[in-house]
Amino acid sequence: MVKVRVRPETGNLYLDFGYRGARCREYTALTDTPSNRRQVQALARRIEHDLRSGSFEYGRYFPDSPRATRPLVVVGMPSIAAATKACAAAAPTFREFAETWFKESEPRWRKRYHAAVRDELDKHLLPWFGDKPIPDIGRADILGFRAEFARRKGRRGALVSAKRINKVIGVFSSILNEACDRQGVPSPARGIKPLKQKRSEILPFSLAEVDLMVATVRQDYRAYLIVRFFTGLRTGEVNGLQWQDIDFAENLMKVERSVSRDGDGELKTEGSHRVIQMVPQVRAALQAHLATKTESCPWVFSTRHGNPIDAVNFTNRVWYPLLRLLGLRLRAPYQTRHTAATLMLAAGENPEWVAHTLGHSTTEMLFRVYSRFIPNLTRNDGRAFAGLLSDRSRSATAPSVGLTRSQIESLGADELRTLLLQRVREQSPGSTGHI
């Protein structure tokens, strides 16, 4: 169906219709007056007729549109053609609006996300859509780009993951949504469902494996591993620890910042700012590590040049070689966080305390991610229910003589036997009284 709509910010009329699987919008310079609306509606009916009959030719109606295939002027519609030409020329390209959107959004982004978005634009979105006018980008264009992107291979030769694709499409959708909102038209990106992502693999270490790794790792990384395994700090958080964050007197550790290759930055969420308790193993490790501190270096864990530990170098030069040496399954250093969570919960710690220690605002993620590793966290083996029924059954069948202890002790043997037989008959209809 061809619809006649109005751009709220200008009050001008435009046509909105689908053609060959794409959503098309052709803008006019005609204001929304009764006579102009009748004129545009008449054009809409003619387009509708041709679309239904299969005889629609884009160039006959919109010769100056980028979608036009045959530059034939529509007789009797000079004002529409001229208006469409003017609006097409005024519509920004994707590149132009994307750069505007990027500059406007910059202040609310962390450095790392800023770099990631810039990367998505320069490597993927601008080369594909850069010179295309925003009104000419339809749902089919988005889905076509996603399908093509899904066939690409990453650095290791494997196909690009669904998570990666969703991130790129997420940036693309944000730009289109903002552009369409400003024009007062529906965005073709809304309603496109993200690809189903593979669930992140949770592979915590056992306590025995943790002890083995701590005992085997290089001496200069021993305290680093202990802190990671027994606090659950994120990589950027542990690398961002400074000595001013450690309070040995109160046995507390403040989590105030996160560092990465992109520099010193903000924590992931507001709930990530926290003060946590140090278990004895963490406290002892940090006190021993303090003896190696360089006076001018503020970082708890640093390189020999006084910089925070580089996560990539640690992973490739210390972490993976350690796992290979011990014959343990290879997994990312982030599994130290999952290990801390499962060990805390398995020990019976309050889930709210665990959530606070990990920097979560609620316990929802704990139950969703870790419940399958901790049987007692959310029992799902039926034993709690079976135990309830068993207790109920025992209380229903056990003889209840209704006498106090002193009264029972005063009864003779024959009287007690008679009373018990009476209770057995009451609870077992048809019983002969033999026991």
Protein backbone atom coordinates (compact mmCIF):
# COMPACT_ATOMS: atom_id res chain seq x y z
CA MET A 1 0.00 0.00 0.00
CA VAL A 2 1.23 3.48 -0.89
CA LYS A 3 0.79 5.86 2.03
CA VAL A 4 0.90 9.63 2.11
CA ARG A 5 2.66 10.89 5.22
CA VAL A 6 3.81 14.20 6.68
CA ARG A 7 7.27 15.09 7.95
CA PRO A 8 6.60 16.72 11.36
CA GLU A 9 9.67 18.93 11.27
CA THR A 10 8.83 20.47 7.85
CA GLY A 11 5.12 19.81 7.36
CA ASN A 12 5.85 18.50 3.85
CA LEU A 13 4.20 15.47 2.27
CA TYR A 14 6.02 12.30 1.23
CA LEU A 15 5.15 8.89 -0.20
CA ASP A 16 5.92 5.69 1.71
CA PHE A 17 5.65 2.35 -0.11
CA GLY A 18 7.35 -0.97 -0.72
CA TYR A 19 8.93 -1.95 -4.03
CA ARG A 20 10.85 -5.13 -4.85
CA GLY A 21 11.31 -5.99 -1.17
CA ALA A 22 12.63 -2.56 -0.24
CA ARG A 23 10.96 0.23 1.64
CA CYS A 24 10.85 3.40 -0.45
CA ARG A 25 10.25 6.96 0.65
CA GLU A 26 9.99 9.77 -1.87
CA TYR A 27 9.88 13.23 -0.37
CA THR A 28 8.16 16.30 -1.79
CA ALA A 29 8.41 20.02 -1.14
CA LEU A 30 4.61 20.32 -1.02
CA THR A 31 3.15 21.44 2.29
CA ASP A 32 0.21 19.58 3.78
CA THR A 33 -2.69 21.59 2.37
CA PRO A 34 -5.99 20.09 1.10
CA SER A 35 -5.14 20.74 -2.55
CA ASN A 36 -1.58 19.42 -2.26
CA ARG A 37 -2.74 16.35 -0.36
CA ARG A 38 -5.32 15.56 -3.08
CA GLN A 39 -2.61 15.85 -5.70
CA VAL A 40 -0.21 13.55 -3.86
CA GLN A 41 -3.00 11.07 -3.06
CA ALA A 42 -3.89 10.91 -6.75
CA LEU A 43 -0.28 10.06 -7.49
CA ALA A 44 -0.32 7.45 -4.72
CA ARG A 45 -3.37 5.76 -6.28
CA ARG A 46 -1.68 5.60 -9.68
CA ILE A 47 1.47 4.10 -8.14
CA GLU A 48 -0.66 1.61 -6.18
CA HIS A 49 -2.41 0.53 -9.39
CA ASP A 50 0.85 0.02 -11.26
CA LEU A 51 2.39 -1.87 -8.34
CA ARG A 52 -0.56 -4.27 -8.24
CA SER A 53 -0.55 -4.78 -12.00
CA GLY A 54 3.22 -5.22 -12.11
CA SER A 55 3.72 -2.34 -14.52
CA PHE A 56 5.30 0.10 -12.05
CA GLU A 57 8.45 1.78 -13.33
CA TYR A 58 10.30 3.91 -10.83
CA GLY A 59 11.70 6.33 -13.38
CA ARG A 60 8.25 7.24 -14.73
CA TYR A 61 7.20 8.69 -11.39
CA PHE A 62 10.48 9.75 -9.81
CA PRO A 63 13.00 10.42 -12.56
CA ASP A 64 15.48 12.17 -10.26
CA SER A 65 15.41 9.57 -7.50
CA PRO A 66 18.52 7.39 -7.00
CA ARG A 67 16.17 4.41 -7.28
CA ALA A 68 14.98 5.42 -10.74
CA THR A 69 15.74 3.04 -13.59
CA ARG A 70 14.12 4.91 -16.48
CA PRO A 71 14.32 8.70 -16.53
CA LEU A 72 10.83 9.33 -17.96
CA VAL A 73 8.98 12.38 -16.66
CA VAL A 74 5.46 11.78 -15.42
CA VAL A 75 3.14 13.86 -17.60
CA GLY A 76 0.94 16.21 -15.63
CA MET A 77 3.02 15.97 -12.45
CA PRO A 78 5.72 18.58 -12.82
CA SER A 79 5.32 19.91 -9.29
CA ILE A 80 5.75 16.45 -7.73
CA ALA A 81 8.81 15.68 -9.83
CA ALA A 82 10.41 19.00 -9.00
CA ALA A 83 9.59 18.65 -5.32
CA THR A 84 11.02 15.15 -5.17
CA LYS A 85 14.21 16.31 -6.84
CA ALA A 86 14.63 19.09 -4.28
CA CYS A 87 14.12 16.76 -1.32
CA ALA A 88 16.40 14.06 -2.70
CA ALA A 89 19.15 16.62 -3.03
CA ALA A 90 18.61 17.78 0.57
CA ALA A 91 18.61 14.29 2.15
CA PRO A 92 21.95 13.52 3.88
CA THR A 93 24.01 10.54 2.90
CA PHE A 94 24.66 7.83 5.44
CA ARG A 95 28.25 9.03 5.79
CA GLU A 96 27.19 12.61 6.54
CA PHE A 97 24.64 11.68 9.15
CA ALA A 98 26.82 8.95 10.69
CA GLU A 99 29.59 11.47 11.35
CA THR A 100 27.07 13.88 12.91
CA TRP A 101 25.68 11.09 15.09
CA PHE A 102 29.18 10.01 16.11
CA LYS A 103 30.19 13.51 17.26
CA GLU A 104 26.95 14.00 19.17
CA SER A 105 27.25 10.62 20.91
CA GLU A 106 30.96 10.84 21.79
CA PRO A 107 30.57 12.54 25.20
CA ARG A 108 28.53 9.67 26.68
CA TRP A 109 30.87 6.86 25.59
CA ARG A 110 33.80 5.27 27.35
CA LYS A 111 37.11 5.37 25.47
CA ARG A 112 37.01 1.71 24.63
CA TYR A 113 33.48 1.85 23.21
CA HIS A 114 34.35 5.03 21.31
CA ALA A 115 37.19 3.18 19.56
CA ALA A 116 34.97 0.16 18.86
CA VAL A 117 32.23 2.23 17.20
CA ARG A 118 34.78 4.13 15.11
CA ASP A 119 36.16 0.78 13.98
CA GLU A 120 32.70 -0.52 12.97
CA LEU A 121 32.03 2.61 10.95
CA ASP A 122 35.36 2.79 9.13
CA LYS A 123 35.76 -0.92 8.37
CA HIS A 124 32.20 -2.02 7.63
CA LEU A 125 29.38 0.51 7.51
CA LEU A 126 30.85 3.50 5.66
CA PRO A 127 32.43 1.44 2.84
CA TRP A 128 29.05 -0.24 2.24
CA PHE A 129 26.51 2.55 2.83
CA GLY A 130 28.59 5.73 2.95
CA ASP A 131 27.33 7.43 -0.23
CA LYS A 132 23.76 6.16 -0.01
CA PRO A 133 21.10 8.76 0.96
CA ILE A 134 19.43 7.91 4.27
CA PRO A 135 15.91 7.75 2.71
CA ASP A 136 17.12 5.11 0.25
CA ILE A 137 18.21 2.65 2.91
CA GLY A 138 15.46 0.10 3.46
CA ARG A 139 14.92 -3.07 5.44
CA ALA A 140 16.10 -5.20 2.52
CA ASP A 141 19.38 -3.25 2.43
CA ILE A 142 19.99 -3.95 6.12
CA LEU A 143 19.21 -7.65 5.83
CA GLY A 144 21.29 -7.93 2.67
CA PHE A 145 24.28 -6.34 4.36
CA ARG A 146 23.90 -8.62 7.38
CA ALA A 147 23.74 -11.71 5.17
CA GLU A 148 26.88 -10.63 3.31
CA PHE A 149 28.70 -9.78 6.53
CA ALA A 150 27.84 -13.20 7.97
CA ARG A 151 29.76 -14.83 5.11
CA ARG A 152 32.99 -13.04 5.98
CA LYS A 153 35.80 -14.70 7.88
CA GLY A 154 37.57 -13.37 10.94
CA ARG A 155 41.26 -13.25 11.75
CA ARG A 156 41.45 -16.96 12.55
CA GLY A 157 39.66 -18.10 9.41
CA ALA A 158 36.31 -18.83 11.09
CA LEU A 159 33.08 -17.13 10.05
CA VAL A 160 32.20 -13.94 11.89
CA SER A 161 30.25 -14.76 15.05
CA ALA A 162 26.61 -13.81 15.63
CA LYS A 163 27.74 -11.63 18.53
CA ARG A 164 30.05 -9.67 16.25
CA ILE A 165 27.36 -9.28 13.59
CA ASN A 166 24.83 -8.06 16.15
CA LYS A 167 27.28 -5.42 17.38
CA VAL A 168 27.77 -4.00 13.88
CA ILE A 169 24.04 -4.06 13.12
CA GLY A 170 23.43 -2.46 16.51
CA VAL A 171 25.57 0.55 15.57
CA PHE A 172 23.94 0.69 12.13
CA SER A 173 20.45 0.59 13.66
CA SER A 174 21.24 3.33 16.18
CA ILE A 175 22.29 5.66 13.37
CA LEU A 176 19.25 4.90 11.21
CA ASN A 177 16.83 5.16 14.13
CA GLU A 178 18.14 8.59 15.06
CA ALA A 179 18.05 9.81 11.46
CA CYS A 180 14.48 8.62 10.94
CA ASP A 181 13.31 10.02 14.28
CA ARG A 182 14.57 13.44 13.22
CA GLN A 183 12.71 13.14 9.94
CA GLY A 184 9.57 11.87 11.65
CA VAL A 185 9.44 8.65 9.64
CA PRO A 186 9.55 4.98 10.70
CA SER A 187 13.02 3.47 10.81
CA PRO A 188 13.61 0.39 8.62
CA ALA A 189 15.95 -0.94 11.32
CA ARG A 190 13.26 -1.23 13.97
CA GLY A 191 11.78 -4.70 14.26
CA ILE A 192 14.84 -6.50 12.89
CA LYS A 193 15.60 -9.20 15.42
CA PRO A 194 19.23 -9.88 16.34
CA LEU A 195 20.81 -13.18 15.42
CA LYS A 196 20.75 -15.84 18.10
CA GLN A 197 24.10 -15.78 19.86
CA LYS A 198 26.00 -18.75 21.17
CA ARG A 199 25.88 -18.76 24.94
CA SER A 200 29.16 -17.77 26.58
CA GLU A 201 30.93 -20.85 27.89
CA ILE A 202 31.41 -20.90 31.66
CA LEU A 203 34.46 -23.02 32.57
CA PRO A 204 35.42 -22.37 36.19
CA PHE A 205 38.50 -23.98 37.69
CA SER A 206 38.26 -26.31 40.67
CA LEU A 207 39.86 -25.23 43.93
CA ALA A 208 42.56 -27.88 43.43
CA GLU A 209 43.35 -26.44 39.99
CA VAL A 210 43.49 -22.93 41.44
CA ASP A 211 45.98 -24.05 44.09
CA LEU A 212 48.08 -25.78 41.43
CA MET A 213 48.17 -22.70 39.21
CA VAL A 214 49.06 -20.35 42.07
CA ALA A 215 51.86 -22.66 43.19
CA THR A 216 53.27 -22.99 39.65
CA VAL A 217 52.99 -19.50 38.16
CA ARG A 218 55.97 -17.15 38.10
CA GLN A 219 56.60 -15.55 41.47
CA ASP A 220 55.96 -12.04 40.16
CA TYR A 221 52.45 -13.06 39.04
CA ARG A 222 51.48 -15.12 42.11
CA ALA A 223 49.70 -12.31 43.97
CA TYR A 224 48.04 -11.24 40.72
CA LEU A 225 46.47 -14.68 40.25
CA ILE A 226 45.39 -14.92 43.89
CA VAL A 227 43.59 -11.58 43.68
CA ARG A 228 41.89 -12.54 40.43
CA PHE A 229 40.78 -15.96 41.65
CA PHE A 230 39.56 -14.86 45.10
CA THR A 231 37.95 -11.48 44.36
CA GLY A 232 36.36 -12.06 40.95
CA LEU A 233 37.51 -8.66 39.67
CA ARG A 234 37.21 -8.06 35.94
CA THR A 235 40.45 -7.88 33.95
CA GLY A 236 40.38 -4.09 33.64
CA GLU A 237 39.49 -3.70 37.32
CA VAL A 238 42.34 -5.78 38.69
CA ASN A 239 44.79 -4.14 36.28
CA GLY A 240 43.52 -0.75 37.44
CA LEU A 241 44.09 -1.32 41.17
CA GLN A 242 46.30 1.24 42.88
CA TRP A 243 47.88 0.99 46.33
CA GLN A 244 45.66 3.82 47.55
CA ASP A 245 42.70 1.47 46.94
CA ILE A 246 44.00 -1.11 49.45
CA ASP A 247 43.10 -0.55 53.10
CA PHE A 248 44.97 -3.12 55.19
CA ALA A 249 43.73 -1.58 58.46
CA GLU A 250 40.07 -2.17 57.56
CA ASN A 251 40.77 -5.19 55.35
CA LEU A 252 39.01 -3.53 52.39
CA MET A 253 39.66 -3.04 48.69
CA LYS A 254 38.12 -0.22 46.63
CA VAL A 255 37.29 -0.77 42.96
CA GLU A 256 37.46 2.68 41.37
CA ARG A 257 38.75 2.35 37.81
CA SER A 258 39.38 0.06 34.86
CA VAL A 259 42.37 0.12 32.53
CA SER A 260 42.94 -1.35 29.10
CA ARG A 261 45.08 -0.68 26.05
CA ASP A 262 42.80 2.29 25.37
CA GLY A 263 43.89 3.91 28.63
CA ASP A 264 42.56 4.59 32.11
CA GLY A 265 38.79 4.59 31.93
CA GLU A 266 35.45 4.33 33.67
CA LEU A 267 34.12 1.14 35.16
CA LYS A 268 31.61 -0.94 33.23
CA THR A 269 28.50 0.09 35.21
CA GLU A 270 27.54 2.31 38.12
CA GLY A 271 27.29 -0.79 40.31
CA SER A 272 30.89 -1.63 39.47
CA HIS A 273 32.07 1.08 41.89
CA ARG A 274 32.32 -0.85 45.13
CA VAL A 275 34.26 -1.60 48.30
CA ILE A 276 34.87 -5.30 48.93
CA GLN A 277 36.29 -7.34 51.78
CA MET A 278 39.60 -9.13 51.36
CA VAL A 279 39.72 -12.78 52.31
CA PRO A 280 42.87 -13.77 54.28
CA GLN A 281 44.56 -15.25 51.19
CA VAL A 282 44.17 -11.99 49.27
CA ARG A 283 45.34 -9.87 52.18
CA ALA A 284 48.44 -12.02 52.77
CA ALA A 285 49.32 -12.06 49.06
CA LEU A 286 49.05 -8.28 48.78
CA GLN A 287 51.11 -7.69 51.92
CA ALA A 288 53.87 -9.91 50.52
CA HIS A 289 53.56 -8.19 47.13
CA LEU A 290 53.85 -4.77 48.80
CA ALA A 291 57.47 -5.57 49.64
CA THR A 292 58.26 -5.57 45.90
CA LYS A 293 56.59 -2.18 45.32
CA THR A 294 58.50 0.55 43.55
CA GLU A 295 57.99 3.73 45.53
CA SER A 296 57.03 5.92 42.59
CA CYS A 297 54.64 3.39 41.01
CA PRO A 298 50.97 3.76 42.03
CA TRP A 299 49.80 0.52 40.42
CA VAL A 300 49.42 -2.63 42.52
CA PHE A 301 50.29 -4.83 39.53
CA SER A 302 52.67 -3.25 37.06
CA THR A 303 55.27 -4.00 34.45
CA ARG A 304 58.96 -3.37 35.07
CA HIS A 305 58.48 -0.01 33.33
CA GLY A 306 55.88 1.08 35.89
CA ASN A 307 52.81 0.69 33.67
CA PRO A 308 49.68 -1.34 34.46
CA ILE A 309 49.80 -4.97 33.35
CA ASP A 310 48.87 -5.34 29.69
CA ALA A 311 46.02 -7.84 29.43
CA VAL A 312 47.02 -9.16 26.00
CA ASN A 313 50.66 -9.70 26.96
CA PHE A 314 49.66 -11.46 30.19
CA THR A 315 47.27 -13.74 28.31
CA ASN A 316 49.75 -14.76 25.64
CA ARG A 317 53.00 -14.85 27.62
CA VAL A 318 51.93 -16.02 31.08
CA TRP A 319 48.37 -17.38 31.17
CA TYR A 320 48.23 -19.77 28.21
CA PRO A 321 51.79 -21.09 28.73
CA LEU A 322 50.84 -21.85 32.35
CA LEU A 323 47.72 -23.81 31.34
CA ARG A 324 49.69 -25.78 28.74
CA LEU A 325 52.42 -26.56 31.26
CA LEU A 326 49.87 -27.96 33.72
CA GLY A 327 47.86 -29.79 31.07
CA LEU A 328 44.70 -27.82 31.85
CA ARG A 329 42.03 -27.01 29.31
CA LEU A 330 42.73 -23.69 27.59
CA ARG A 331 40.32 -20.93 28.53
CA ALA A 332 40.40 -17.14 28.76
CA PRO A 333 41.65 -15.34 31.91
CA TYR A 334 38.10 -14.06 32.43
CA GLN A 335 37.29 -17.53 33.77
CA THR A 336 39.02 -16.46 36.99
CA ARG A 337 35.94 -14.31 37.61
CA HIS A 338 33.60 -17.23 37.00
CA THR A 339 35.77 -19.36 39.28
CA ALA A 340 35.50 -16.83 42.11
CA ALA A 341 31.73 -16.67 41.73
CA THR A 342 31.24 -20.45 41.80
CA LEU A 343 33.61 -20.93 44.76
CA MET A 344 31.86 -18.23 46.79
CA LEU A 345 28.42 -19.64 46.07
CA ALA A 346 29.52 -23.24 46.66
CA ALA A 347 30.84 -22.18 50.05
CA GLY A 348 27.34 -20.99 50.96
CA GLU A 349 27.95 -17.23 50.86
CA ASN A 350 24.90 -14.98 50.67
CA PRO A 351 24.11 -14.39 46.95
CA GLU A 352 23.61 -10.66 47.61
CA TRP A 353 27.09 -10.44 49.12
CA VAL A 354 28.52 -12.33 46.14
CA ALA A 355 26.71 -10.03 43.68
CA HIS A 356 28.11 -6.95 45.43
CA THR A 357 31.63 -8.39 45.44
CA LEU A 358 31.42 -9.07 41.70
CA GLY A 359 29.96 -5.64 40.94
CA HIS A 360 26.42 -6.70 39.98
CA SER A 361 23.49 -4.54 41.06
CA THR A 362 21.19 -7.56 41.54
CA THR A 363 21.46 -11.32 42.04
CA GLU A 364 19.63 -12.04 38.78
CA MET A 365 22.78 -12.80 36.80
CA LEU A 366 24.13 -15.07 39.53
CA PHE A 367 21.10 -17.34 39.40
CA ARG A 368 20.94 -17.23 35.60
CA VAL A 369 24.63 -17.95 34.94
CA TYR A 370 25.91 -19.98 37.88
CA SER A 371 22.97 -21.98 39.25
CA ARG A 372 23.89 -25.09 37.24
CA PHE A 373 27.32 -25.18 38.89
CA ILE A 374 26.01 -24.89 42.46
CA PRO A 375 23.37 -27.56 43.27
CA ASN A 376 22.53 -25.97 46.64
CA LEU A 377 22.06 -22.48 45.17
CA THR A 378 18.80 -23.30 43.42
CA ARG A 379 18.11 -26.99 43.99
CA ASN A 380 16.67 -28.59 40.87
CA ASP A 381 17.13 -32.30 41.59
CA GLY A 382 13.79 -32.79 43.38
CA ARG A 383 15.33 -33.76 46.71
CA ALA A 384 13.93 -30.76 48.56
CA PHE A 385 10.40 -31.61 47.40
CA ALA A 386 10.87 -35.31 48.12
CA GLY A 387 12.17 -34.45 51.57
CA LEU A 388 9.11 -32.34 52.26
CA LEU A 389 6.79 -35.17 51.24
CA SER A 390 8.81 -37.68 53.27
CA ASP A 391 8.60 -35.53 56.40
CA ARG A 392 4.87 -35.05 55.84
CA SER A 393 4.36 -38.80 55.39
CA ARG A 394 6.24 -39.63 58.58
CA SER A 395 4.27 -37.11 60.61
CA ALA A 396 0.99 -38.55 59.25
CA THR A 397 1.78 -42.21 60.06
CA ALA A 398 3.70 -41.93 63.32
CA PRO A 399 1.58 -42.95 66.36
CA SER A 400 0.56 -40.00 68.44
CA VAL A 401 -0.65 -41.19 71.81
CA GLY A 402 -1.73 -37.75 72.95
CA LEU A 403 -0.15 -38.21 76.41
CA THR A 404 2.57 -36.32 78.19
CA ARG A 405 5.90 -37.96 78.89
CA SER A 406 5.12 -38.31 82.60
CA GLN A 407 1.77 -39.97 81.84
CA ILE A 408 3.40 -42.47 79.48
CA GLU A 409 6.08 -43.30 82.05
CA SER A 410 3.37 -44.01 84.66
CA LEU A 411 1.63 -46.61 82.47
CA GLY A 412 2.20 -50.30 83.07
CA ALA A 413 3.41 -52.63 80.34
CA ASP A 414 -0.04 -54.08 79.62
CA GLU A 415 -1.65 -50.62 79.54
CA LEU A 416 1.01 -49.27 77.16
CA ARG A 417 0.62 -52.32 74.87
CA THR A 418 -3.16 -51.88 74.78
CA LEU A 419 -2.80 -48.18 73.91
CA LEU A 420 -0.35 -48.85 71.07
CA LEU A 421 -2.59 -51.54 69.56
CA GLN A 422 -5.49 -49.12 69.64
CA ARG A 423 -3.46 -46.50 67.72
CA VAL A 424 -2.39 -49.08 65.12
CA ARG A 425 -6.03 -50.07 64.48
CA GLU A 426 -7.03 -46.39 64.10
CA GLN A 427 -4.31 -45.70 61.48
CA SER A 428 -4.53 -49.06 59.65
CA PRO A 429 -8.19 -49.93 58.91
CA GLY A 430 -8.75 -53.68 58.69
CA SER A 431 -5.74 -54.48 60.87
CA THR A 432 -6.02 -57.58 63.05
CA GLY A 433 -4.01 -55.97 65.77
CA HIS A 434 -0.89 -58.11 65.27
CA ILE A 435 2.41 -56.23 65.30
